[in-house]
Amino acid sequence: MNHNRPMVFAVKSSEDFGRQVAARAGLDVSPHEERDFDGGEHKIRPLCSVRNRDVYVVASLFGDSEHSANDKLCRLLFFIGALRDASAGRVTAIVPYLCYARKDRKTKSRDPVTTRYVARLFEAVHLDHLVTMEVHNLAAFQNAFSGVTTDHLEATRLLVEHFASSGPAGELAVVSPDVGGVKRADLFRSALERRLGTEISSGFLQKQRSEGVVSTGAFVGEVQGKNVILIDDLISSGTTLVNAAKACRQAGAAEVIAAATHGVFSEKAESILSDKALDQVVISDTVPPQFLSPAFVEQKLCIVQTVGLFGDAIHCLNGGGSIVDLLSV
């Protein structure tokens, strides 16, 4: 056994994803145990020595039919604690989807700022390093952590390559479904322009959200006769994107495709996203499309793989390389 090689663990809910990530990094997944007890309690521990080893734990923190996001977060925290108690040298959490990252500021009186609270939990179990992808507000995420090193991966390069190789033909436009995402959409548009060597127009939709209710405002941009890519960081119910798709259609768009890093689909998402204003939905594999029917997945959904990016991140971190190199487009 090479005690200098890093170790990778994949919690059960992310086991398949973790194995693919480890394989990309040229590593095997190490064994661990997860046991449930009466009353909803559980334990999780490594089944091999981790003393003085560089350890990576893969866990995507989305809720599913078996475990809530809270359950998965708690299991990950306990596992990190167990690794620390077992004298692991350095522990890095690979978290493709980080729960509670959307609530990064107070929008109403006495609101919780859960992004900061989650950061404190990771710090409490003495996590060394957190690697995640496409949080809602990067500055808030980075500022929330003080005792944990963080790296933030982006899906921009992966989505650019997807649309460059299999995207719609003809003139393109990249549109943000709200004002807050304009910068994200513009970075994607610029990268796709460089990749295709052609000019791409832009636009955005004015939107307000209060008490979970979304209201749509004016559309700004020129999409007449163009194929539109709606770019966002996350899809939940799909209401925002469908409203934006309808606005683009009314403005004369020929085709509308929605693209987002995380497909955290709610149970009502399929009925909303089935609207004819939206031709296709493109997401990454950070969250499986668990509430979508096989027919919808086959006909309207396209999934872009991120396991290679996370595997390269582990290889990069283990070799002392720069994560920045993985983000260049």
C-alpha atoms as a PDB file:
ATOM      1  CA  MET A   1       0.000   0.000   0.000  1.00  0.00           C
ATOM      2  CA  ASN A   2       1.281   3.436  -0.977  1.00  0.00           C
ATOM      3  CA  HIS A   3       0.733   5.597   2.096  1.00  0.00           C
ATOM      4  CA  ASN A   4       1.557   8.730   0.106  1.00  0.00           C
ATOM      5  CA  ARG A   5      -1.405   8.302  -2.258  1.00  0.00           C
ATOM      6  CA  PRO A   6      -4.544  10.231  -1.369  1.00  0.00           C
ATOM      7  CA  MET A   7      -7.680   8.352  -0.349  1.00  0.00           C
ATOM      8  CA  VAL A   8     -11.182   8.900  -1.705  1.00  0.00           C
ATOM      9  CA  PHE A   9     -14.410   8.067   0.112  1.00  0.00           C
ATOM     10  CA  ALA A  10     -17.864   8.385  -1.448  1.00  0.00           C
ATOM     11  CA  VAL A  11     -20.911   8.486   0.816  1.00  0.00           C
ATOM     12  CA  LYS A  12     -23.655   6.088  -0.261  1.00  0.00           C
ATOM     13  CA  SER A  13     -25.938   8.733  -1.721  1.00  0.00           C
ATOM     14  CA  SER A  14     -23.100   9.881  -4.018  1.00  0.00           C
ATOM     15  CA  GLU A  15     -21.383   6.521  -4.478  1.00  0.00           C
ATOM     16  CA  ASP A  16     -21.645   6.219  -8.269  1.00  0.00           C
ATOM     17  CA  PHE A  17     -20.613   9.833  -8.794  1.00  0.00           C
ATOM     18  CA  GLY A  18     -17.728   9.420  -6.328  1.00  0.00           C
ATOM     19  CA  ARG A  19     -16.428   6.288  -8.054  1.00  0.00           C
ATOM     20  CA  GLN A  20     -16.343   8.081 -11.386  1.00  0.00           C
ATOM     21  CA  VAL A  21     -14.566  11.065  -9.854  1.00  0.00           C
ATOM     22  CA  ALA A  22     -12.004   8.809  -8.183  1.00  0.00           C
ATOM     23  CA  ALA A  23     -11.411   6.893 -11.418  1.00  0.00           C
ATOM     24  CA  ARG A  24     -10.777  10.149 -13.269  1.00  0.00           C
ATOM     25  CA  ALA A  25      -8.192  11.043 -10.608  1.00  0.00           C
ATOM     26  CA  GLY A  26      -6.589   7.588 -10.988  1.00  0.00           C
ATOM     27  CA  LEU A  27      -7.666   6.466  -7.509  1.00  0.00           C
ATOM     28  CA  ASP A  28      -9.858   3.806  -5.920  1.00  0.00           C
ATOM     29  CA  VAL A  29     -12.727   4.454  -3.520  1.00  0.00           C
ATOM     30  CA  SER A  30     -11.846   3.358   0.015  1.00  0.00           C
ATOM     31  CA  PRO A  31     -14.372   1.377   2.083  1.00  0.00           C
ATOM     32  CA  HIS A  32     -16.532   2.908   4.783  1.00  0.00           C
ATOM     33  CA  GLU A  33     -19.571   1.938   6.846  1.00  0.00           C
ATOM     34  CA  GLU A  34     -22.915   3.691   7.167  1.00  0.00           C
ATOM     35  CA  ARG A  35     -25.412   2.291   9.680  1.00  0.00           C
ATOM     36  CA  ASP A  36     -28.895   3.504  10.568  1.00  0.00           C
ATOM     37  CA  PHE A  37     -30.425   3.054  14.008  1.00  0.00           C
ATOM     38  CA  ASP A  38     -33.915   3.233  15.452  1.00  0.00           C
ATOM     39  CA  GLY A  39     -35.098   6.767  15.978  1.00  0.00           C
ATOM     40  CA  GLY A  40     -33.385   8.088  12.868  1.00  0.00           C
ATOM     41  CA  GLU A  41     -29.837   8.192  14.236  1.00  0.00           C
ATOM     42  CA  HIS A  42     -26.878   6.825  12.320  1.00  0.00           C
ATOM     43  CA  LYS A  43     -23.132   6.388  12.287  1.00  0.00           C
ATOM     44  CA  ILE A  44     -20.536   6.584   9.554  1.00  0.00           C
ATOM     45  CA  ARG A  45     -16.863   5.630   9.738  1.00  0.00           C
ATOM     46  CA  PRO A  46     -13.898   4.636   7.544  1.00  0.00           C
ATOM     47  CA  LEU A  47     -13.111   0.912   7.415  1.00  0.00           C
ATOM     48  CA  CYS A  48      -9.396   1.388   6.827  1.00  0.00           C
ATOM     49  CA  SER A  49      -6.607   3.420   8.349  1.00  0.00           C
ATOM     50  CA  VAL A  50      -6.502   7.083   7.379  1.00  0.00           C
ATOM     51  CA  ARG A  51      -3.702   8.092   9.723  1.00  0.00           C
ATOM     52  CA  ASN A  52      -1.668  10.966   8.239  1.00  0.00           C
ATOM     53  CA  ARG A  53      -3.334  10.453   4.850  1.00  0.00           C
ATOM     54  CA  ASP A  54      -4.691  13.055   2.444  1.00  0.00           C
ATOM     55  CA  VAL A  55      -8.431  12.236   2.352  1.00  0.00           C
ATOM     56  CA  TYR A  56     -11.156  13.340  -0.089  1.00  0.00           C
ATOM     57  CA  VAL A  57     -14.849  12.776   0.669  1.00  0.00           C
ATOM     58  CA  VAL A  58     -17.366  13.042  -2.179  1.00  0.00           C
ATOM     59  CA  ALA A  59     -20.894  14.019  -1.125  1.00  0.00           C
ATOM     60  CA  SER A  60     -23.464  16.035  -3.067  1.00  0.00           C
ATOM     61  CA  LEU A  61     -25.868  17.604  -0.574  1.00  0.00           C
ATOM     62  CA  PHE A  62     -29.239  17.546  -2.335  1.00  0.00           C
ATOM     63  CA  GLY A  63     -32.397  16.109  -0.824  1.00  0.00           C
ATOM     64  CA  ASP A  64     -33.942  12.985  -2.312  1.00  0.00           C
ATOM     65  CA  SER A  65     -36.643  10.423  -1.475  1.00  0.00           C
ATOM     66  CA  GLU A  66     -34.374   8.650   1.017  1.00  0.00           C
ATOM     67  CA  HIS A  67     -32.487  11.456   2.755  1.00  0.00           C
ATOM     68  CA  SER A  68     -33.090  15.176   3.082  1.00  0.00           C
ATOM     69  CA  ALA A  69     -30.342  17.724   2.512  1.00  0.00           C
ATOM     70  CA  ASN A  70     -30.196  18.039   6.314  1.00  0.00           C
ATOM     71  CA  ASP A  71     -29.585  14.285   6.693  1.00  0.00           C
ATOM     72  CA  LYS A  72     -26.815  14.324   4.106  1.00  0.00           C
ATOM     73  CA  LEU A  73     -25.151  17.363   5.612  1.00  0.00           C
ATOM     74  CA  CYS A  74     -25.231  15.774   9.070  1.00  0.00           C
ATOM     75  CA  ARG A  75     -23.741  12.508   7.751  1.00  0.00           C
ATOM     76  CA  LEU A  76     -20.972  14.354   5.954  1.00  0.00           C
ATOM     77  CA  LEU A  77     -20.126  16.399   9.046  1.00  0.00           C
ATOM     78  CA  PHE A  78     -20.024  13.274  11.223  1.00  0.00           C
ATOM     79  CA  PHE A  79     -17.813  11.499   8.685  1.00  0.00           C
ATOM     80  CA  ILE A  80     -15.385  14.413   8.588  1.00  0.00           C
ATOM     81  CA  GLY A  81     -15.315  14.329  12.391  1.00  0.00           C
ATOM     82  CA  ALA A  82     -14.650  10.580  12.391  1.00  0.00           C
ATOM     83  CA  LEU A  83     -11.814  11.007   9.894  1.00  0.00           C
ATOM     84  CA  ARG A  84     -10.311  13.711  12.084  1.00  0.00           C
ATOM     85  CA  ASP A  85     -10.583  11.499  15.179  1.00  0.00           C
ATOM     86  CA  ALA A  86      -8.888   8.720  13.188  1.00  0.00           C
ATOM     87  CA  SER A  87      -5.890  11.060  12.641  1.00  0.00           C
ATOM     88  CA  ALA A  88      -6.386  11.837   8.956  1.00  0.00           C
ATOM     89  CA  GLY A  89      -3.689  14.221   7.790  1.00  0.00           C
ATOM     90  CA  ARG A  90      -5.854  16.493   5.654  1.00  0.00           C
ATOM     91  CA  VAL A  91      -9.554  16.250   4.817  1.00  0.00           C
ATOM     92  CA  THR A  92     -11.123  17.760   1.691  1.00  0.00           C
ATOM     93  CA  ALA A  93     -14.862  17.638   1.015  1.00  0.00           C
ATOM     94  CA  ILE A  94     -15.851  17.406  -2.658  1.00  0.00           C
ATOM     95  CA  VAL A  95     -19.409  18.764  -2.664  1.00  0.00           C
ATOM     96  CA  PRO A  96     -20.847  19.114  -6.194  1.00  0.00           C
ATOM     97  CA  TYR A  97     -24.056  20.656  -4.841  1.00  0.00           C
ATOM     98  CA  LEU A  98     -23.805  22.590  -1.564  1.00  0.00           C
ATOM     99  CA  CYS A  99     -27.099  22.838   0.292  1.00  0.00           C
ATOM    100  CA  TYR A 100     -28.226  26.167   1.767  1.00  0.00           C
ATOM    101  CA  ALA A 101     -25.860  28.137  -0.488  1.00  0.00           C
ATOM    102  CA  ARG A 102     -28.809  30.090  -1.898  1.00  0.00           C
ATOM    103  CA  LYS A 103     -29.688  31.739   1.402  1.00  0.00           C
ATOM    104  CA  ASP A 104     -26.616  33.979   1.639  1.00  0.00           C
ATOM    105  CA  ARG A 105     -28.160  37.212   2.932  1.00  0.00           C
ATOM    106  CA  LYS A 106     -31.120  38.610   4.838  1.00  0.00           C
ATOM    107  CA  THR A 107     -33.972  39.499   2.520  1.00  0.00           C
ATOM    108  CA  LYS A 108     -36.510  39.985   5.311  1.00  0.00           C
ATOM    109  CA  SER A 109     -36.313  41.020   8.951  1.00  0.00           C
ATOM    110  CA  ARG A 110     -34.722  38.326  11.197  1.00  0.00           C
ATOM    111  CA  ASP A 111     -33.970  36.061   8.231  1.00  0.00           C
ATOM    112  CA  PRO A 112     -31.357  33.332   8.774  1.00  0.00           C
ATOM    113  CA  VAL A 113     -28.136  33.475   6.748  1.00  0.00           C
ATOM    114  CA  THR A 114     -27.752  29.727   6.323  1.00  0.00           C
ATOM    115  CA  THR A 115     -24.695  29.887   4.068  1.00  0.00           C
ATOM    116  CA  ARG A 116     -22.730  31.285   6.997  1.00  0.00           C
ATOM    117  CA  TYR A 117     -24.163  28.782   9.480  1.00  0.00           C
ATOM    118  CA  VAL A 118     -23.212  25.830   7.263  1.00  0.00           C
ATOM    119  CA  ALA A 119     -19.691  27.253   6.977  1.00  0.00           C
ATOM    120  CA  ARG A 120     -19.448  27.302  10.772  1.00  0.00           C
ATOM    121  CA  LEU A 121     -20.494  23.646  10.925  1.00  0.00           C
ATOM    122  CA  PHE A 122     -17.705  22.634   8.537  1.00  0.00           C
ATOM    123  CA  GLU A 123     -15.257  24.655  10.585  1.00  0.00           C
ATOM    124  CA  ALA A 124     -16.473  22.998  13.805  1.00  0.00           C
ATOM    125  CA  VAL A 125     -15.457  19.520  12.565  1.00  0.00           C
ATOM    126  CA  HIS A 126     -12.098  20.915  11.363  1.00  0.00           C
ATOM    127  CA  LEU A 127     -12.522  20.425   7.645  1.00  0.00           C
ATOM    128  CA  ASP A 128      -9.408  21.603   5.811  1.00  0.00           C
ATOM    129  CA  HIS A 129     -10.719  22.214   2.302  1.00  0.00           C
ATOM    130  CA  LEU A 130     -14.093  22.456   0.565  1.00  0.00           C
ATOM    131  CA  VAL A 131     -14.523  22.143  -3.201  1.00  0.00           C
ATOM    132  CA  THR A 132     -17.957  22.891  -4.609  1.00  0.00           C
ATOM    133  CA  MET A 133     -19.544  24.057  -7.851  1.00  0.00           C
ATOM    134  CA  GLU A 134     -21.552  27.098  -8.926  1.00  0.00           C
ATOM    135  CA  VAL A 135     -22.925  28.588  -5.736  1.00  0.00           C
ATOM    136  CA  HIS A 136     -25.553  31.299  -6.059  1.00  0.00           C
ATOM    137  CA  ASN A 137     -23.360  34.125  -4.756  1.00  0.00           C
ATOM    138  CA  LEU A 138     -19.619  33.490  -4.951  1.00  0.00           C
ATOM    139  CA  ALA A 139     -18.587  36.465  -2.813  1.00  0.00           C
ATOM    140  CA  ALA A 140     -20.992  35.481  -0.023  1.00  0.00           C
ATOM    141  CA  PHE A 141     -19.754  31.884  -0.163  1.00  0.00           C
ATOM    142  CA  GLN A 142     -16.108  32.899   0.033  1.00  0.00           C
ATOM    143  CA  ASN A 143     -16.730  35.369   2.851  1.00  0.00           C
ATOM    144  CA  ALA A 144     -18.695  32.806   4.894  1.00  0.00           C
ATOM    145  CA  PHE A 145     -15.640  30.601   5.445  1.00  0.00           C
ATOM    146  CA  SER A 146     -12.758  31.752   7.598  1.00  0.00           C
ATOM    147  CA  GLY A 147     -11.198  28.518   8.889  1.00  0.00           C
ATOM    148  CA  VAL A 148     -11.695  26.360   5.783  1.00  0.00           C
ATOM    149  CA  THR A 149      -9.946  26.790   2.433  1.00  0.00           C
ATOM    150  CA  THR A 150     -12.453  26.851  -0.413  1.00  0.00           C
ATOM    151  CA  ASP A 151     -12.315  26.276  -4.152  1.00  0.00           C
ATOM    152  CA  HIS A 152     -15.215  27.070  -6.454  1.00  0.00           C
ATOM    153  CA  LEU A 153     -15.608  25.221  -9.744  1.00  0.00           C
ATOM    154  CA  GLU A 154     -17.748  26.519 -12.592  1.00  0.00           C
ATOM    155  CA  ALA A 155     -19.637  24.741 -15.334  1.00  0.00           C
ATOM    156  CA  THR A 156     -19.045  27.487 -17.901  1.00  0.00           C
ATOM    157  CA  ARG A 157     -16.377  25.608 -19.860  1.00  0.00           C
ATOM    158  CA  LEU A 158     -18.464  22.428 -19.916  1.00  0.00           C
ATOM    159  CA  LEU A 159     -21.587  24.233 -21.112  1.00  0.00           C
ATOM    160  CA  VAL A 160     -19.627  26.182 -23.722  1.00  0.00           C
ATOM    161  CA  GLU A 161     -18.216  22.952 -25.129  1.00  0.00           C
ATOM    162  CA  HIS A 162     -21.675  21.388 -25.122  1.00  0.00           C
ATOM    163  CA  PHE A 163     -23.290  24.229 -27.078  1.00  0.00           C
ATOM    164  CA  ALA A 164     -20.288  24.617 -29.381  1.00  0.00           C
ATOM    165  CA  SER A 165     -20.499  20.954 -30.388  1.00  0.00           C
ATOM    166  CA  SER A 166     -24.246  20.260 -30.285  1.00  0.00           C
ATOM    167  CA  GLY A 167     -26.012  23.567 -29.792  1.00  0.00           C
ATOM    168  CA  PRO A 168     -28.588  25.188 -32.063  1.00  0.00           C
ATOM    169  CA  ALA A 169     -27.506  26.462 -35.479  1.00  0.00           C
ATOM    170  CA  GLY A 170     -28.092  29.997 -36.680  1.00  0.00           C
ATOM    171  CA  GLU A 171     -27.805  33.283 -34.840  1.00  0.00           C
ATOM    172  CA  LEU A 172     -27.586  32.995 -31.068  1.00  0.00           C
ATOM    173  CA  ALA A 173     -28.558  35.088 -28.088  1.00  0.00           C
ATOM    174  CA  VAL A 174     -27.701  34.466 -24.434  1.00  0.00           C
ATOM    175  CA  VAL A 175     -30.334  35.694 -21.978  1.00  0.00           C
ATOM    176  CA  SER A 176     -30.389  35.920 -18.187  1.00  0.00           C
ATOM    177  CA  PRO A 177     -33.804  35.136 -16.653  1.00  0.00           C
ATOM    178  CA  ASP A 178     -33.267  37.918 -14.102  1.00  0.00           C
ATOM    179  CA  VAL A 179     -31.126  40.997 -13.503  1.00  0.00           C
ATOM    180  CA  GLY A 180     -29.075  39.269 -10.802  1.00  0.00           C
ATOM    181  CA  GLY A 181     -27.749  36.716 -13.271  1.00  0.00           C
ATOM    182  CA  VAL A 182     -26.654  39.183 -15.965  1.00  0.00           C
ATOM    183  CA  LYS A 183     -22.962  38.915 -15.082  1.00  0.00           C
ATOM    184  CA  ARG A 184     -23.084  35.107 -15.160  1.00  0.00           C
ATOM    185  CA  ALA A 185     -24.840  35.132 -18.524  1.00  0.00           C
ATOM    186  CA  ASP A 186     -22.414  37.691 -19.959  1.00  0.00           C
ATOM    187  CA  LEU A 187     -19.382  35.614 -18.934  1.00  0.00           C
ATOM    188  CA  PHE A 188     -20.942  32.592 -20.620  1.00  0.00           C
ATOM    189  CA  ARG A 189     -21.823  34.604 -23.728  1.00  0.00           C
ATOM    190  CA  SER A 190     -18.274  35.973 -24.034  1.00  0.00           C
ATOM    191  CA  ALA A 191     -16.778  32.501 -23.663  1.00  0.00           C
ATOM    192  CA  LEU A 192     -19.146  31.016 -26.248  1.00  0.00           C
ATOM    193  CA  GLU A 193     -18.368  33.890 -28.625  1.00  0.00           C
ATOM    194  CA  ARG A 194     -14.642  33.136 -28.389  1.00  0.00           C
ATOM    195  CA  ARG A 195     -15.247  29.437 -28.877  1.00  0.00           C
ATOM    196  CA  LEU A 196     -17.494  29.880 -31.933  1.00  0.00           C
ATOM    197  CA  GLY A 197     -15.768  32.948 -33.352  1.00  0.00           C
ATOM    198  CA  THR A 198     -19.052  34.719 -33.922  1.00  0.00           C
ATOM    199  CA  GLU A 199     -20.973  37.550 -32.300  1.00  0.00           C
ATOM    200  CA  ILE A 200     -23.758  36.617 -29.865  1.00  0.00           C
ATOM    201  CA  SER A 201     -26.373  39.071 -28.638  1.00  0.00           C
ATOM    202  CA  SER A 202     -27.588  39.325 -25.041  1.00  0.00           C
ATOM    203  CA  GLY A 203     -30.665  40.128 -22.994  1.00  0.00           C
ATOM    204  CA  PHE A 204     -32.284  39.811 -19.600  1.00  0.00           C
ATOM    205  CA  LEU A 205     -35.659  39.668 -17.957  1.00  0.00           C
ATOM    206  CA  GLN A 206     -36.725  41.807 -15.027  1.00  0.00           C
ATOM    207  CA  LYS A 207     -38.068  39.670 -12.165  1.00  0.00           C
ATOM    208  CA  GLN A 208     -39.229  40.010  -8.589  1.00  0.00           C
ATOM    209  CA  ARG A 209     -39.631  37.274  -5.970  1.00  0.00           C
ATOM    210  CA  SER A 210     -41.492  37.607  -2.662  1.00  0.00           C
ATOM    211  CA  GLU A 211     -42.835  34.871  -0.367  1.00  0.00           C
ATOM    212  CA  GLY A 212     -41.857  32.342  -3.032  1.00  0.00           C
ATOM    213  CA  VAL A 213     -44.000  34.032  -5.699  1.00  0.00           C
ATOM    214  CA  VAL A 214     -42.229  35.110  -8.885  1.00  0.00           C
ATOM    215  CA  SER A 215     -43.501  38.085 -10.902  1.00  0.00           C
ATOM    216  CA  THR A 216     -42.149  38.830 -14.355  1.00  0.00           C
ATOM    217  CA  GLY A 217     -41.289  42.290 -15.640  1.00  0.00           C
ATOM    218  CA  ALA A 218     -40.075  43.682 -18.947  1.00  0.00           C
ATOM    219  CA  PHE A 219     -37.738  41.870 -21.334  1.00  0.00           C
ATOM    220  CA  VAL A 220     -34.627  43.766 -22.412  1.00  0.00           C
ATOM    221  CA  GLY A 221     -32.675  42.610 -25.467  1.00  0.00           C
ATOM    222  CA  GLU A 222     -32.886  41.695 -29.146  1.00  0.00           C
ATOM    223  CA  VAL A 223     -33.770  38.049 -29.897  1.00  0.00           C
ATOM    224  CA  GLN A 224     -35.909  38.354 -33.036  1.00  0.00           C
ATOM    225  CA  GLY A 225     -35.319  35.262 -35.201  1.00  0.00           C
ATOM    226  CA  LYS A 226     -32.511  34.039 -32.929  1.00  0.00           C
ATOM    227  CA  ASN A 227     -31.945  30.840 -30.997  1.00  0.00           C
ATOM    228  CA  VAL A 228     -31.848  31.740 -27.313  1.00  0.00           C
ATOM    229  CA  ILE A 229     -29.853  30.118 -24.521  1.00  0.00           C
ATOM    230  CA  LEU A 230     -31.298  30.987 -21.111  1.00  0.00           C
ATOM    231  CA  ILE A 231     -28.457  30.634 -18.603  1.00  0.00           C
ATOM    232  CA  ASP A 232     -28.890  30.248 -14.842  1.00  0.00           C
ATOM    233  CA  ASP A 233     -27.128  28.593 -11.895  1.00  0.00           C
ATOM    234  CA  LEU A 234     -30.028  26.428 -10.723  1.00  0.00           C
ATOM    235  CA  ILE A 235     -33.450  25.123 -11.736  1.00  0.00           C
ATOM    236  CA  SER A 236     -35.997  24.277  -9.039  1.00  0.00           C
ATOM    237  CA  SER A 237     -39.628  24.545 -10.123  1.00  0.00           C
ATOM    238  CA  GLY A 238     -38.673  25.980 -13.512  1.00  0.00           C
ATOM    239  CA  THR A 239     -41.129  28.891 -13.237  1.00  0.00           C
ATOM    240  CA  THR A 240     -38.491  31.578 -13.707  1.00  0.00           C
ATOM    241  CA  LEU A 241     -37.064  29.950 -16.834  1.00  0.00           C
ATOM    242  CA  VAL A 242     -40.437  29.238 -18.416  1.00  0.00           C
ATOM    243  CA  ASN A 243     -41.534  32.843 -17.837  1.00  0.00           C
ATOM    244  CA  ALA A 244     -38.300  33.986 -19.458  1.00  0.00           C
ATOM    245  CA  ALA A 245     -38.812  31.547 -22.345  1.00  0.00           C
ATOM    246  CA  LYS A 246     -42.305  32.944 -22.958  1.00  0.00           C
ATOM    247  CA  ALA A 247     -40.929  36.489 -22.935  1.00  0.00           C
ATOM    248  CA  CYS A 248     -38.275  35.493 -25.476  1.00  0.00           C
ATOM    249  CA  ARG A 249     -40.910  33.863 -27.695  1.00  0.00           C
ATOM    250  CA  GLN A 250     -43.039  36.993 -27.543  1.00  0.00           C
ATOM    251  CA  ALA A 251     -39.959  38.973 -28.575  1.00  0.00           C
ATOM    252  CA  GLY A 252     -39.581  36.757 -31.641  1.00  0.00           C
ATOM    253  CA  ALA A 253     -37.097  34.058 -30.573  1.00  0.00           C
ATOM    254  CA  ALA A 254     -36.993  31.052 -32.903  1.00  0.00           C
ATOM    255  CA  GLU A 255     -35.860  28.507 -30.309  1.00  0.00           C
ATOM    256  CA  VAL A 256     -35.309  28.651 -26.550  1.00  0.00           C
ATOM    257  CA  ILE A 257     -33.029  26.353 -24.552  1.00  0.00           C
ATOM    258  CA  ALA A 258     -32.580  26.630 -20.788  1.00  0.00           C
ATOM    259  CA  ALA A 259     -29.182  25.766 -19.308  1.00  0.00           C
ATOM    260  CA  ALA A 260     -28.229  25.590 -15.630  1.00  0.00           C
ATOM    261  CA  THR A 261     -25.543  23.919 -13.555  1.00  0.00           C
ATOM    262  CA  HIS A 262     -27.814  22.359 -10.928  1.00  0.00           C
ATOM    263  CA  GLY A 263     -31.113  20.668 -11.733  1.00  0.00           C
ATOM    264  CA  VAL A 264     -32.682  20.610  -8.264  1.00  0.00           C
ATOM    265  CA  PHE A 265     -36.072  19.785  -9.727  1.00  0.00           C
ATOM    266  CA  SER A 266     -39.136  19.990  -7.497  1.00  0.00           C
ATOM    267  CA  GLU A 267     -42.008  17.553  -7.885  1.00  0.00           C
ATOM    268  CA  LYS A 268     -43.955  20.087  -9.973  1.00  0.00           C
ATOM    269  CA  ALA A 269     -41.014  20.978 -12.213  1.00  0.00           C
ATOM    270  CA  GLU A 270     -41.875  18.586 -15.038  1.00  0.00           C
ATOM    271  CA  SER A 271     -45.345  20.010 -15.618  1.00  0.00           C
ATOM    272  CA  ILE A 272     -43.918  23.546 -15.659  1.00  0.00           C
ATOM    273  CA  LEU A 273     -40.887  22.785 -17.844  1.00  0.00           C
ATOM    274  CA  SER A 274     -43.057  20.879 -20.330  1.00  0.00           C
ATOM    275  CA  ASP A 275     -44.352  24.237 -21.590  1.00  0.00           C
ATOM    276  CA  LYS A 276     -43.927  24.471 -25.361  1.00  0.00           C
ATOM    277  CA  ALA A 277     -42.127  27.823 -25.013  1.00  0.00           C
ATOM    278  CA  LEU A 278     -39.072  25.869 -23.865  1.00  0.00           C
ATOM    279  CA  ASP A 279     -37.465  23.515 -26.398  1.00  0.00           C
ATOM    280  CA  GLN A 280     -34.796  21.859 -24.238  1.00  0.00           C
ATOM    281  CA  VAL A 281     -33.286  21.874 -20.748  1.00  0.00           C
ATOM    282  CA  VAL A 282     -29.543  21.379 -20.219  1.00  0.00           C
ATOM    283  CA  ILE A 283     -28.128  20.662 -16.755  1.00  0.00           C
ATOM    284  CA  SER A 284     -25.025  19.088 -15.239  1.00  0.00           C
ATOM    285  CA  ASP A 285     -24.906  15.823 -13.279  1.00  0.00           C
ATOM    286  CA  THR A 286     -24.368  17.390  -9.829  1.00  0.00           C
ATOM    287  CA  VAL A 287     -27.953  16.447  -8.918  1.00  0.00           C
ATOM    288  CA  PRO A 288     -29.804  13.528 -10.573  1.00  0.00           C
ATOM    289  CA  PRO A 289     -33.178  14.382 -12.175  1.00  0.00           C
ATOM    290  CA  GLN A 290     -35.048  12.302  -9.603  1.00  0.00           C
ATOM    291  CA  PHE A 291     -38.525  13.821  -9.952  1.00  0.00           C
ATOM    292  CA  LEU A 292     -38.596  13.836 -13.755  1.00  0.00           C
ATOM    293  CA  SER A 293     -40.164  11.013 -15.754  1.00  0.00           C
ATOM    294  CA  PRO A 294     -37.991   8.892 -18.082  1.00  0.00           C
ATOM    295  CA  ALA A 295     -40.007  10.219 -21.025  1.00  0.00           C
ATOM    296  CA  PHE A 296     -39.267  13.845 -20.125  1.00  0.00           C
ATOM    297  CA  VAL A 297     -35.578  13.063 -19.559  1.00  0.00           C
ATOM    298  CA  GLU A 298     -35.331  11.364 -22.947  1.00  0.00           C
ATOM    299  CA  GLN A 299     -37.246  13.965 -24.907  1.00  0.00           C
ATOM    300  CA  LYS A 300     -36.321  17.285 -23.328  1.00  0.00           C
ATOM    301  CA  LEU A 301     -33.365  16.929 -20.945  1.00  0.00           C
ATOM    302  CA  CYS A 302     -29.649  16.903 -21.718  1.00  0.00           C
ATOM    303  CA  ILE A 303     -27.120  16.162 -18.947  1.00  0.00           C
ATOM    304  CA  VAL A 304     -23.528  17.440 -19.109  1.00  0.00           C
ATOM    305  CA  GLN A 305     -20.965  15.430 -17.148  1.00  0.00           C
ATOM    306  CA  THR A 306     -18.905  17.126 -14.407  1.00  0.00           C
ATOM    307  CA  VAL A 307     -17.175  14.063 -12.940  1.00  0.00           C
ATOM    308  CA  GLY A 308     -14.117  14.744 -15.091  1.00  0.00           C
ATOM    309  CA  LEU A 309     -13.824  18.265 -13.720  1.00  0.00           C
ATOM    310  CA  PHE A 310     -14.020  17.099 -10.103  1.00  0.00           C
ATOM    311  CA  GLY A 311     -11.578  14.265 -10.785  1.00  0.00           C
ATOM    312  CA  ASP A 312      -9.157  16.727 -12.360  1.00  0.00           C
ATOM    313  CA  ALA A 313      -9.595  18.972  -9.309  1.00  0.00           C
ATOM    314  CA  ILE A 314      -8.475  16.151  -6.997  1.00  0.00           C
ATOM    315  CA  HIS A 315      -5.534  15.398  -9.275  1.00  0.00           C
ATOM    316  CA  CYS A 316      -4.668  19.087  -9.340  1.00  0.00           C
ATOM    317  CA  LEU A 317      -4.885  19.530  -5.567  1.00  0.00           C
ATOM    318  CA  ASN A 318      -2.919  16.378  -4.915  1.00  0.00           C
ATOM    319  CA  GLY A 319      -0.191  17.450  -7.318  1.00  0.00           C
ATOM    320  CA  GLY A 320      -0.032  21.016  -6.068  1.00  0.00           C
ATOM    321  CA  GLY A 321      -1.514  22.435  -9.260  1.00  0.00           C
ATOM    322  CA  SER A 322      -3.829  25.392  -9.689  1.00  0.00           C
ATOM    323  CA  ILE A 323      -7.611  25.053  -9.800  1.00  0.00           C
ATOM    324  CA  VAL A 324      -7.651  28.216 -11.904  1.00  0.00           C
ATOM    325  CA  ASP A 325      -6.311  26.185 -14.823  1.00  0.00           C
ATOM    326  CA  LEU A 326      -9.513  24.107 -14.774  1.00  0.00           C
ATOM    327  CA  LEU A 327     -11.694  27.198 -15.124  1.00  0.00           C
ATOM    328  CA  SER A 328     -10.121  28.737 -18.214  1.00  0.00           C
ATOM    329  CA  VAL A 329     -12.414  28.807 -21.255  1.00  0.00           C
END
